[in-house]
Amino acid sequence: MRLKVASIALLTLLAAASPACAYGSSVEDLVGSFSIGKSIKIGSSSECFSTRQGADPLTPSQSGRAMAGGQPPSLAGFVLWPQQVNASSPGTISMAAHIIDDQSVWAAEAVFWGPGGLEASALLESRTSGTVRDGIFEGQMTLPSASESLNATGGWHLQNLTLVDGEGNRRVLTEADLQGLGLPTVIEVN
């Protein structure tokens, strides 16, 4: 009996001295047609609860949970205007995305690549209509003018459109994904 009490006391002291942490993974075959891999991380692992130093504008403030649930948001529509601009003063390009999520949409970011490897992006975080679950989110970006870069003229192609919900779930769509939906992906600078 004394040995059992001493063992329990020792285990309690060891558990109190070090944070709880557990990892596990498995692969399950379902009816032989496909497999699902699972990884479980429980406890105070720095990998589970680490905070990033750099502020990512697409990370919701309340997404510090260890594991986010739900599905990533879906894109129901995307427009950008104007689709043709003058190189001497390309000005501002406006964009709007119709985004749907089962919980709440946080924001989206559109990244464009231009001639000569130039990059421009827009954060679409202003909900102009709809609800947090089904709304229109708008943003703007400025392309470099010809005076800023000799290679600013030509086609600016959407590299990716990242959709993020309030839980931090992300969906990254490529130019080909949007073209497959019949949505605009190119801005011409002449």
N, C-alpha and C. Protein backbone atom coordinates (compact mmCIF):
# COMPACT_ATOMS: atom_id res chain seq x y z
N MET A 1 0.82 -1.19 0.00
CA MET A 1 0.00 0.00 0.00
C MET A 1 0.86 1.25 0.00
N ARG A 2 1.94 1.25 0.84
CA ARG A 2 2.84 2.40 0.88
C ARG A 2 3.51 2.63 -0.47
N LEU A 3 3.86 1.54 -1.14
CA LEU A 3 4.49 1.65 -2.46
C LEU A 3 3.53 2.29 -3.46
N LYS A 4 2.27 1.92 -3.38
CA LYS A 4 1.26 2.48 -4.29
C LYS A 4 1.08 3.98 -4.04
N VAL A 5 1.02 4.38 -2.77
CA VAL A 5 0.88 5.80 -2.42
C VAL A 5 2.11 6.57 -2.86
N ALA A 6 3.29 6.00 -2.66
CA ALA A 6 4.54 6.66 -3.06
C ALA A 6 4.60 6.80 -4.57
N SER A 7 4.15 5.78 -5.28
CA SER A 7 4.16 5.85 -6.75
C SER A 7 3.22 6.94 -7.26
N ILE A 8 2.04 7.02 -6.66
CA ILE A 8 1.08 8.05 -7.06
C ILE A 8 1.63 9.44 -6.74
N ALA A 9 2.25 9.59 -5.58
CA ALA A 9 2.83 10.89 -5.20
C ALA A 9 3.94 11.28 -6.17
N LEU A 10 4.79 10.33 -6.54
CA LEU A 10 5.88 10.61 -7.48
C LEU A 10 5.33 11.01 -8.85
N LEU A 11 4.33 10.29 -9.34
CA LEU A 11 3.73 10.63 -10.63
C LEU A 11 3.07 12.00 -10.59
N THR A 12 2.44 12.34 -9.47
CA THR A 12 1.82 13.65 -9.33
C THR A 12 2.87 14.75 -9.36
N LEU A 13 3.98 14.55 -8.67
CA LEU A 13 5.06 15.55 -8.68
C LEU A 13 5.66 15.71 -10.08
N LEU A 14 5.87 14.60 -10.77
CA LEU A 14 6.42 14.68 -12.12
C LEU A 14 5.45 15.38 -13.07
N ALA A 15 4.17 15.10 -12.93
CA ALA A 15 3.18 15.73 -13.80
C ALA A 15 3.10 17.23 -13.54
N ALA A 16 3.24 17.63 -12.29
CA ALA A 16 3.17 19.06 -11.96
C ALA A 16 4.42 19.80 -12.43
N ALA A 17 5.55 19.12 -12.48
CA ALA A 17 6.81 19.77 -12.85
C ALA A 17 6.94 19.98 -14.35
N SER A 18 6.29 19.17 -15.14
CA SER A 18 6.41 19.33 -16.59
C SER A 18 5.03 19.47 -17.21
N PRO A 19 4.92 20.31 -18.22
CA PRO A 19 3.62 20.50 -18.86
C PRO A 19 3.15 19.25 -19.58
N ALA A 20 1.86 19.08 -19.63
CA ALA A 20 1.29 17.92 -20.31
C ALA A 20 1.45 18.08 -21.81
N CYS A 21 1.79 17.00 -22.45
CA CYS A 21 1.96 17.04 -23.89
C CYS A 21 1.80 15.63 -24.42
N ALA A 22 1.05 15.45 -25.46
CA ALA A 22 0.88 14.13 -26.04
C ALA A 22 0.70 14.28 -27.55
N TYR A 23 1.21 13.31 -28.25
CA TYR A 23 1.07 13.30 -29.70
C TYR A 23 0.62 11.91 -30.12
N GLY A 24 -0.10 11.84 -31.19
CA GLY A 24 -0.48 10.55 -31.72
C GLY A 24 -0.88 10.70 -33.17
N SER A 25 -0.76 9.64 -33.91
CA SER A 25 -1.23 9.67 -35.28
C SER A 25 -1.63 8.27 -35.69
N SER A 26 -2.50 8.18 -36.66
CA SER A 26 -2.94 6.88 -37.15
C SER A 26 -3.43 7.04 -38.58
N VAL A 27 -3.52 5.93 -39.25
CA VAL A 27 -4.10 5.90 -40.59
C VAL A 27 -5.19 4.84 -40.56
N GLU A 28 -6.37 5.20 -40.98
CA GLU A 28 -7.49 4.27 -40.97
C GLU A 28 -7.92 3.99 -42.40
N ASP A 29 -8.08 2.72 -42.72
CA ASP A 29 -8.62 2.33 -44.02
C ASP A 29 -10.13 2.23 -43.89
N LEU A 30 -10.84 2.90 -44.76
CA LEU A 30 -12.29 2.86 -44.75
C LEU A 30 -12.79 2.07 -45.95
N VAL A 31 -13.31 0.91 -45.73
CA VAL A 31 -13.86 0.03 -46.74
C VAL A 31 -12.86 -0.23 -47.87
N GLY A 32 -11.59 -0.14 -47.57
CA GLY A 32 -10.56 -0.45 -48.54
C GLY A 32 -10.44 0.49 -49.71
N SER A 33 -11.26 1.56 -49.75
CA SER A 33 -11.21 2.44 -50.92
C SER A 33 -10.32 3.65 -50.73
N PHE A 34 -10.14 4.10 -49.50
CA PHE A 34 -9.25 5.22 -49.26
C PHE A 34 -8.82 5.22 -47.80
N SER A 35 -7.82 5.99 -47.49
CA SER A 35 -7.31 6.08 -46.13
C SER A 35 -7.38 7.52 -45.65
N ILE A 36 -7.55 7.67 -44.37
CA ILE A 36 -7.55 8.99 -43.75
C ILE A 36 -6.45 9.00 -42.70
N GLY A 37 -5.54 9.96 -42.81
CA GLY A 37 -4.49 10.12 -41.82
C GLY A 37 -4.92 11.14 -40.78
N LYS A 38 -4.67 10.84 -39.52
CA LYS A 38 -5.04 11.76 -38.44
C LYS A 38 -3.82 12.03 -37.58
N SER A 39 -3.68 13.26 -37.16
CA SER A 39 -2.65 13.63 -36.19
C SER A 39 -3.34 14.35 -35.05
N ILE A 40 -3.01 13.96 -33.84
CA ILE A 40 -3.60 14.58 -32.66
C ILE A 40 -2.48 15.14 -31.81
N LYS A 41 -2.62 16.40 -31.42
CA LYS A 41 -1.65 17.05 -30.55
C LYS A 41 -2.41 17.65 -29.38
N ILE A 42 -2.09 17.21 -28.19
CA ILE A 42 -2.79 17.66 -27.00
C ILE A 42 -1.79 18.21 -26.01
N GLY A 43 -2.17 19.26 -25.31
CA GLY A 43 -1.33 19.74 -24.23
C GLY A 43 -0.74 21.09 -24.51
N SER A 44 0.40 21.31 -23.93
CA SER A 44 1.01 22.64 -24.01
C SER A 44 2.19 22.68 -24.96
N SER A 45 2.11 21.92 -26.02
CA SER A 45 3.17 21.93 -27.01
C SER A 45 3.29 23.32 -27.63
N SER A 46 4.51 23.79 -27.77
CA SER A 46 4.69 25.10 -28.40
C SER A 46 4.21 25.08 -29.84
N GLU A 47 4.21 23.90 -30.46
CA GLU A 47 3.71 23.78 -31.83
C GLU A 47 2.20 24.00 -31.87
N CYS A 48 1.50 23.60 -30.81
CA CYS A 48 0.05 23.76 -30.76
C CYS A 48 -0.37 25.19 -30.45
N PHE A 49 0.40 25.86 -29.59
CA PHE A 49 -0.05 27.14 -29.07
C PHE A 49 0.92 28.28 -29.32
N SER A 50 1.76 28.16 -30.32
CA SER A 50 2.75 29.21 -30.56
C SER A 50 2.07 30.45 -31.13
N THR A 51 2.67 31.60 -30.85
CA THR A 51 2.18 32.85 -31.41
C THR A 51 3.21 33.36 -32.39
N ARG A 52 2.73 33.95 -33.47
CA ARG A 52 3.64 34.47 -34.48
C ARG A 52 4.05 35.89 -34.13
N GLN A 53 5.30 36.20 -34.41
CA GLN A 53 5.80 37.54 -34.14
C GLN A 53 5.24 38.54 -35.14
N GLY A 54 5.26 38.19 -36.43
CA GLY A 54 4.78 39.09 -37.47
C GLY A 54 3.26 39.07 -37.51
N ALA A 55 2.66 40.21 -37.67
CA ALA A 55 1.21 40.29 -37.71
C ALA A 55 0.71 39.96 -39.11
N ASP A 56 0.04 38.83 -39.25
CA ASP A 56 -0.55 38.42 -40.52
C ASP A 56 -1.94 39.03 -40.60
N PRO A 57 -2.21 39.89 -41.58
CA PRO A 57 -3.52 40.53 -41.65
C PRO A 57 -4.65 39.54 -41.91
N LEU A 58 -4.32 38.33 -42.32
CA LEU A 58 -5.35 37.34 -42.57
C LEU A 58 -5.57 36.41 -41.39
N THR A 59 -4.98 36.70 -40.24
CA THR A 59 -5.19 35.88 -39.06
C THR A 59 -6.18 36.56 -38.13
N PRO A 60 -7.36 35.97 -37.96
CA PRO A 60 -8.34 36.57 -37.06
C PRO A 60 -7.82 36.63 -35.64
N SER A 61 -8.19 37.66 -34.91
CA SER A 61 -7.69 37.84 -33.54
C SER A 61 -8.16 36.73 -32.62
N GLN A 62 -9.30 36.13 -32.88
CA GLN A 62 -9.81 35.08 -32.01
C GLN A 62 -9.42 33.68 -32.48
N SER A 63 -8.50 33.55 -33.43
CA SER A 63 -8.15 32.23 -33.95
C SER A 63 -6.98 31.60 -33.22
N GLY A 64 -6.70 32.01 -32.00
CA GLY A 64 -5.60 31.44 -31.23
C GLY A 64 -5.91 30.08 -30.66
N ARG A 65 -7.04 29.49 -31.04
CA ARG A 65 -7.40 28.17 -30.56
C ARG A 65 -6.42 27.14 -31.11
N ALA A 66 -6.26 26.06 -30.36
CA ALA A 66 -5.32 25.02 -30.78
C ALA A 66 -5.74 24.38 -32.09
N MET A 67 -7.02 24.10 -32.24
CA MET A 67 -7.49 23.46 -33.46
C MET A 67 -8.76 24.15 -33.93
N ALA A 68 -8.78 24.59 -35.16
CA ALA A 68 -9.97 25.24 -35.71
C ALA A 68 -10.89 24.17 -36.28
N GLY A 69 -12.18 24.39 -36.17
CA GLY A 69 -13.14 23.45 -36.71
C GLY A 69 -13.81 24.03 -37.93
N GLY A 70 -14.63 23.25 -38.55
CA GLY A 70 -15.38 23.74 -39.69
C GLY A 70 -14.59 23.68 -40.98
N GLN A 71 -15.24 24.18 -42.01
CA GLN A 71 -14.67 24.18 -43.36
C GLN A 71 -14.14 25.56 -43.71
N PRO A 72 -13.18 25.63 -44.63
CA PRO A 72 -12.73 26.95 -45.09
C PRO A 72 -13.82 27.62 -45.92
N PRO A 73 -13.76 28.93 -46.05
CA PRO A 73 -14.78 29.65 -46.82
C PRO A 73 -14.77 29.27 -48.30
N SER A 74 -15.87 29.58 -48.96
CA SER A 74 -16.01 29.31 -50.40
C SER A 74 -16.22 30.62 -51.14
N LEU A 75 -15.78 30.64 -52.39
CA LEU A 75 -15.93 31.82 -53.24
C LEU A 75 -17.16 31.65 -54.12
N ALA A 76 -18.08 32.62 -54.05
CA ALA A 76 -19.28 32.59 -54.88
C ALA A 76 -19.18 33.56 -56.05
N GLY A 77 -18.23 34.50 -56.00
CA GLY A 77 -18.06 35.46 -57.08
C GLY A 77 -16.88 36.37 -56.82
N PHE A 78 -16.33 36.95 -57.90
CA PHE A 78 -15.18 37.84 -57.78
C PHE A 78 -15.20 38.80 -58.97
N VAL A 79 -15.04 40.08 -58.68
CA VAL A 79 -14.94 41.09 -59.74
C VAL A 79 -13.79 42.04 -59.42
N LEU A 80 -13.22 42.61 -60.47
CA LEU A 80 -12.21 43.66 -60.29
C LEU A 80 -12.42 44.70 -61.36
N TRP A 81 -12.16 45.95 -61.00
CA TRP A 81 -12.38 47.05 -61.93
C TRP A 81 -11.44 48.19 -61.63
N PRO A 82 -10.97 48.91 -62.62
CA PRO A 82 -11.05 48.59 -64.05
C PRO A 82 -10.11 47.44 -64.39
N GLN A 83 -10.39 46.77 -65.50
CA GLN A 83 -9.54 45.67 -65.93
C GLN A 83 -8.49 46.12 -66.93
N GLN A 84 -8.58 47.38 -67.40
CA GLN A 84 -7.56 47.98 -68.26
C GLN A 84 -7.24 49.36 -67.73
N VAL A 85 -5.93 49.64 -67.58
CA VAL A 85 -5.50 50.95 -67.07
C VAL A 85 -4.34 51.47 -67.89
N ASN A 86 -4.12 52.78 -67.80
CA ASN A 86 -3.03 53.45 -68.51
C ASN A 86 -1.77 53.37 -67.66
N ALA A 87 -0.65 53.03 -68.27
CA ALA A 87 0.61 52.87 -67.54
C ALA A 87 1.11 54.17 -66.93
N SER A 88 0.77 55.31 -67.52
CA SER A 88 1.27 56.58 -66.99
C SER A 88 0.69 56.88 -65.61
N SER A 89 -0.51 56.42 -65.35
CA SER A 89 -1.10 56.60 -64.02
C SER A 89 -2.13 55.49 -63.78
N PRO A 90 -1.65 54.28 -63.45
CA PRO A 90 -2.57 53.15 -63.33
C PRO A 90 -3.61 53.31 -62.23
N GLY A 91 -3.33 54.11 -61.22
CA GLY A 91 -4.32 54.37 -60.18
C GLY A 91 -4.68 53.15 -59.36
N THR A 92 -5.90 53.17 -58.86
CA THR A 92 -6.36 52.15 -57.93
C THR A 92 -7.22 51.11 -58.63
N ILE A 93 -6.98 49.86 -58.31
CA ILE A 93 -7.80 48.75 -58.79
C ILE A 93 -8.68 48.33 -57.62
N SER A 94 -9.98 48.27 -57.85
CA SER A 94 -10.92 47.84 -56.82
C SER A 94 -11.33 46.40 -57.06
N MET A 95 -11.61 45.68 -55.98
CA MET A 95 -12.01 44.28 -56.07
C MET A 95 -13.13 44.00 -55.09
N ALA A 96 -13.96 43.05 -55.43
CA ALA A 96 -15.01 42.59 -54.53
C ALA A 96 -15.13 41.07 -54.67
N ALA A 97 -15.25 40.40 -53.54
CA ALA A 97 -15.41 38.95 -53.53
C ALA A 97 -16.67 38.60 -52.74
N HIS A 98 -17.48 37.72 -53.30
CA HIS A 98 -18.65 37.19 -52.60
C HIS A 98 -18.18 35.90 -51.93
N ILE A 99 -18.10 35.93 -50.59
CA ILE A 99 -17.52 34.83 -49.83
C ILE A 99 -18.59 34.26 -48.89
N ILE A 100 -18.63 32.93 -48.81
CA ILE A 100 -19.60 32.22 -47.97
C ILE A 100 -18.84 31.29 -47.02
N ASP A 101 -19.28 31.24 -45.75
CA ASP A 101 -18.66 30.35 -44.77
C ASP A 101 -19.73 29.84 -43.81
N ASP A 102 -19.50 28.65 -43.23
CA ASP A 102 -20.47 28.08 -42.30
C ASP A 102 -20.50 28.81 -40.96
N GLN A 103 -19.45 29.52 -40.59
CA GLN A 103 -19.41 30.25 -39.32
C GLN A 103 -19.35 31.77 -39.55
N SER A 104 -18.21 32.26 -40.02
CA SER A 104 -18.07 33.69 -40.30
C SER A 104 -16.85 33.92 -41.18
N VAL A 105 -16.99 34.80 -42.14
CA VAL A 105 -15.89 35.17 -43.03
C VAL A 105 -15.06 36.24 -42.32
N TRP A 106 -13.74 36.14 -42.41
CA TRP A 106 -12.86 37.15 -41.81
C TRP A 106 -12.38 38.13 -42.87
N ALA A 107 -11.72 37.64 -43.92
CA ALA A 107 -11.16 38.51 -44.95
C ALA A 107 -10.66 37.66 -46.11
N ALA A 108 -10.14 38.34 -47.12
CA ALA A 108 -9.51 37.67 -48.26
C ALA A 108 -8.34 38.54 -48.71
N GLU A 109 -7.39 37.92 -49.39
CA GLU A 109 -6.26 38.66 -49.95
C GLU A 109 -6.04 38.18 -51.37
N ALA A 110 -5.95 39.13 -52.29
CA ALA A 110 -5.67 38.84 -53.70
C ALA A 110 -4.24 39.31 -54.00
N VAL A 111 -3.43 38.40 -54.53
CA VAL A 111 -2.04 38.73 -54.88
C VAL A 111 -1.89 38.61 -56.39
N PHE A 112 -1.37 39.67 -57.01
CA PHE A 112 -1.16 39.72 -58.46
C PHE A 112 0.33 39.81 -58.75
N TRP A 113 0.75 39.12 -59.83
CA TRP A 113 2.12 39.23 -60.33
C TRP A 113 2.07 39.94 -61.66
N GLY A 114 2.99 40.89 -61.81
CA GLY A 114 3.04 41.66 -63.04
C GLY A 114 4.31 41.42 -63.81
N PRO A 115 4.49 42.15 -64.91
CA PRO A 115 5.69 42.04 -65.73
C PRO A 115 6.93 42.34 -64.90
N GLY A 116 8.01 41.66 -65.22
CA GLY A 116 9.27 41.89 -64.52
C GLY A 116 9.29 41.38 -63.10
N GLY A 117 8.34 40.51 -62.73
CA GLY A 117 8.31 39.95 -61.38
C GLY A 117 7.75 40.86 -60.31
N LEU A 118 7.11 41.95 -60.72
CA LEU A 118 6.51 42.86 -59.74
C LEU A 118 5.30 42.19 -59.08
N GLU A 119 5.00 42.60 -57.86
CA GLU A 119 3.87 42.04 -57.12
C GLU A 119 3.04 43.15 -56.50
N ALA A 120 1.75 42.95 -56.48
CA ALA A 120 0.83 43.88 -55.82
C ALA A 120 -0.27 43.04 -55.17
N SER A 121 -0.80 43.51 -54.05
CA SER A 121 -1.84 42.75 -53.37
C SER A 121 -2.91 43.67 -52.79
N ALA A 122 -4.06 43.08 -52.55
CA ALA A 122 -5.18 43.81 -51.94
C ALA A 122 -5.77 42.97 -50.83
N LEU A 123 -6.04 43.60 -49.71
CA LEU A 123 -6.70 42.95 -48.59
C LEU A 123 -8.19 43.28 -48.68
N LEU A 124 -9.01 42.28 -48.86
CA LEU A 124 -10.46 42.47 -48.97
C LEU A 124 -11.08 42.15 -47.61
N GLU A 125 -11.17 43.17 -46.77
CA GLU A 125 -11.67 42.95 -45.42
C GLU A 125 -12.89 43.80 -45.07
N SER A 126 -13.28 44.68 -45.97
CA SER A 126 -14.41 45.56 -45.71
C SER A 126 -15.69 44.91 -46.25
N ARG A 127 -16.57 44.45 -45.35
CA ARG A 127 -17.84 43.85 -45.78
C ARG A 127 -18.79 44.98 -46.15
N THR A 128 -19.17 45.04 -47.41
CA THR A 128 -20.02 46.13 -47.89
C THR A 128 -21.49 45.73 -47.98
N SER A 129 -21.78 44.44 -47.99
CA SER A 129 -23.17 43.99 -47.97
C SER A 129 -23.21 42.54 -47.52
N GLY A 130 -24.41 42.08 -47.18
CA GLY A 130 -24.58 40.71 -46.75
C GLY A 130 -24.32 40.54 -45.27
N THR A 131 -24.08 39.29 -44.88
CA THR A 131 -23.83 38.94 -43.48
C THR A 131 -22.42 38.42 -43.33
N VAL A 132 -22.01 38.13 -42.09
CA VAL A 132 -20.67 37.59 -41.86
C VAL A 132 -20.54 36.18 -42.44
N ARG A 133 -21.66 35.51 -42.68
CA ARG A 133 -21.62 34.17 -43.26
C ARG A 133 -21.73 34.18 -44.79
N ASP A 134 -22.27 35.23 -45.33
CA ASP A 134 -22.53 35.30 -46.78
C ASP A 134 -22.51 36.78 -47.17
N GLY A 135 -21.31 37.27 -47.51
CA GLY A 135 -21.20 38.70 -47.76
C GLY A 135 -20.28 39.06 -48.91
N ILE A 136 -20.33 40.33 -49.25
CA ILE A 136 -19.44 40.91 -50.27
C ILE A 136 -18.34 41.66 -49.53
N PHE A 137 -17.09 41.28 -49.80
CA PHE A 137 -15.94 41.90 -49.16
C PHE A 137 -15.12 42.62 -50.22
N GLU A 138 -14.78 43.90 -49.95
CA GLU A 138 -14.09 44.72 -50.94
C GLU A 138 -12.73 45.18 -50.44
N GLY A 139 -11.87 45.50 -51.41
CA GLY A 139 -10.55 46.04 -51.12
C GLY A 139 -9.98 46.70 -52.36
N GLN A 140 -8.84 47.36 -52.19
CA GLN A 140 -8.20 48.07 -53.30
C GLN A 140 -6.70 47.83 -53.29
N MET A 141 -6.09 48.00 -54.46
CA MET A 141 -4.63 47.96 -54.57
C MET A 141 -4.20 48.96 -55.63
N THR A 142 -2.97 49.40 -55.51
CA THR A 142 -2.39 50.33 -56.48
C THR A 142 -1.26 49.64 -57.21
N LEU A 143 -1.32 49.65 -58.53
CA LEU A 143 -0.23 49.10 -59.34
C LEU A 143 0.84 50.17 -59.51
N PRO A 144 2.11 49.76 -59.63
CA PRO A 144 3.15 50.76 -59.84
C PRO A 144 2.99 51.45 -61.19
N SER A 145 3.29 52.73 -61.23
CA SER A 145 3.20 53.48 -62.49
C SER A 145 4.46 53.26 -63.30
N ALA A 146 4.44 53.67 -64.56
CA ALA A 146 5.60 53.51 -65.44
C ALA A 146 6.81 54.25 -64.88
N SER A 147 6.58 55.34 -64.17
CA SER A 147 7.71 56.08 -63.60
C SER A 147 8.36 55.32 -62.44
N GLU A 148 7.61 54.44 -61.78
CA GLU A 148 8.16 53.65 -60.67
C GLU A 148 8.91 52.43 -61.17
N SER A 149 8.52 51.91 -62.33
CA SER A 149 9.15 50.72 -62.87
C SER A 149 9.05 50.72 -64.39
N LEU A 150 10.15 50.41 -65.04
CA LEU A 150 10.15 50.37 -66.51
C LEU A 150 9.35 49.18 -67.03
N ASN A 151 9.11 48.19 -66.18
CA ASN A 151 8.42 46.98 -66.62
C ASN A 151 6.99 46.90 -66.10
N ALA A 152 6.38 48.03 -65.76
CA ALA A 152 5.04 48.00 -65.16
C ALA A 152 3.94 47.73 -66.17
N THR A 153 4.22 47.82 -67.48
CA THR A 153 3.17 47.59 -68.48
C THR A 153 3.06 46.10 -68.79
N GLY A 154 1.86 45.71 -69.21
CA GLY A 154 1.60 44.31 -69.54
C GLY A 154 0.50 43.75 -68.67
N GLY A 155 0.38 42.43 -68.70
CA GLY A 155 -0.68 41.77 -67.93
C GLY A 155 -0.27 41.49 -66.50
N TRP A 156 -1.14 41.85 -65.59
CA TRP A 156 -0.99 41.52 -64.18
C TRP A 156 -1.94 40.36 -63.89
N HIS A 157 -1.37 39.21 -63.53
CA HIS A 157 -2.16 37.99 -63.35
C HIS A 157 -2.34 37.67 -61.87
N LEU A 158 -3.55 37.23 -61.54
CA LEU A 158 -3.83 36.81 -60.17
C LEU A 158 -2.97 35.60 -59.85
N GLN A 159 -2.14 35.71 -58.84
CA GLN A 159 -1.33 34.58 -58.39
C GLN A 159 -2.18 33.69 -57.48
N ASN A 160 -2.84 34.30 -56.50
CA ASN A 160 -3.74 33.54 -55.64
C ASN A 160 -4.72 34.46 -54.94
N LEU A 161 -5.82 33.88 -54.55
CA LEU A 161 -6.84 34.56 -53.75
C LEU A 161 -7.04 33.69 -52.52
N THR A 162 -6.68 34.21 -51.35
CA THR A 162 -6.77 33.46 -50.10
C THR A 162 -8.00 33.92 -49.33
N LEU A 163 -8.89 32.98 -49.01
CA LEU A 163 -10.10 33.26 -48.24
C LEU A 163 -9.89 32.73 -46.82
N VAL A 164 -10.26 33.52 -45.81
CA VAL A 164 -10.04 33.13 -44.41
C VAL A 164 -11.32 33.35 -43.62
N ASP A 165 -11.67 32.36 -42.77
CA ASP A 165 -12.84 32.55 -41.92
C ASP A 165 -12.42 32.96 -40.51
N GLY A 166 -13.39 33.20 -39.65
CA GLY A 166 -13.13 33.68 -38.30
C GLY A 166 -12.39 32.69 -37.43
N GLU A 167 -12.36 31.42 -37.81
CA GLU A 167 -11.63 30.40 -37.05
C GLU A 167 -10.21 30.21 -37.57
N GLY A 168 -9.87 30.90 -38.65
CA GLY A 168 -8.53 30.77 -39.22
C GLY A 168 -8.43 29.74 -40.33
N ASN A 169 -9.54 29.09 -40.70
CA ASN A 169 -9.52 28.15 -41.83
C ASN A 169 -9.29 28.93 -43.11
N ARG A 170 -8.43 28.40 -43.99
CA ARG A 170 -8.06 29.10 -45.22
C ARG A 170 -8.34 28.25 -46.45
N ARG A 171 -8.72 28.94 -47.51
CA ARG A 171 -8.81 28.31 -48.83
C ARG A 171 -8.01 29.19 -49.78
N VAL A 172 -7.05 28.60 -50.48
CA VAL A 172 -6.22 29.34 -51.43
C VAL A 172 -6.64 28.92 -52.83
N LEU A 173 -7.09 29.90 -53.61
CA LEU A 173 -7.52 29.67 -54.98
C LEU A 173 -6.49 30.27 -55.93
N THR A 174 -6.20 29.57 -57.01
CA THR A 174 -5.23 30.04 -57.99
C THR A 174 -5.94 30.72 -59.15
N GLU A 175 -5.15 31.28 -60.05
CA GLU A 175 -5.70 31.90 -61.25
C GLU A 175 -6.53 30.89 -62.04
N ALA A 176 -6.02 29.67 -62.15
CA ALA A 176 -6.75 28.63 -62.89
C ALA A 176 -8.09 28.30 -62.23
N ASP A 177 -8.13 28.30 -60.89
CA ASP A 177 -9.39 28.05 -60.18
C ASP A 177 -10.44 29.10 -60.55
N LEU A 178 -10.04 30.38 -60.53
CA LEU A 178 -10.99 31.44 -60.85
C LEU A 178 -11.38 31.42 -62.32
N GLN A 179 -10.42 31.14 -63.21
CA GLN A 179 -10.73 31.05 -64.63
C GLN A 179 -11.73 29.93 -64.89
N GLY A 180 -11.58 28.82 -64.15
CA GLY A 180 -12.52 27.71 -64.28
C GLY A 180 -13.94 28.09 -63.88
N LEU A 181 -14.06 29.10 -63.03
CA LEU A 181 -15.38 29.59 -62.62
C LEU A 181 -15.86 30.74 -63.51
N GLY A 182 -15.05 31.09 -64.52
CA GLY A 182 -15.41 32.19 -65.42
C GLY A 182 -15.23 33.56 -64.80
N LEU A 183 -14.34 33.69 -63.82
CA LEU A 183 -14.13 34.96 -63.12
C LEU A 183 -12.87 35.65 -63.63
N PRO A 184 -12.81 36.98 -63.55
CA PRO A 184 -11.66 37.73 -64.07
C PRO A 184 -10.40 37.51 -63.23
N THR A 185 -9.25 37.46 -63.91
CA THR A 185 -7.98 37.24 -63.21
C THR A 185 -6.85 38.11 -63.74
N VAL A 186 -7.08 38.93 -64.76
CA VAL A 186 -6.00 39.70 -65.39
C VAL A 186 -6.37 41.18 -65.45
N ILE A 187 -5.37 42.02 -65.15
CA ILE A 187 -5.48 43.47 -65.31
C ILE A 187 -4.46 43.86 -66.36
N GLU A 188 -4.88 44.52 -67.42
CA GLU A 188 -3.97 44.95 -68.48
C GLU A 188 -3.54 46.39 -68.25
N VAL A 189 -2.22 46.60 -68.24
CA VAL A 189 -1.66 47.95 -68.11
C VAL A 189 -1.00 48.28 -69.44
N ASN A 190 -1.52 49.31 -70.15
CA ASN A 190 -1.01 49.69 -71.48
C ASN A 190 -0.28 51.01 -71.42
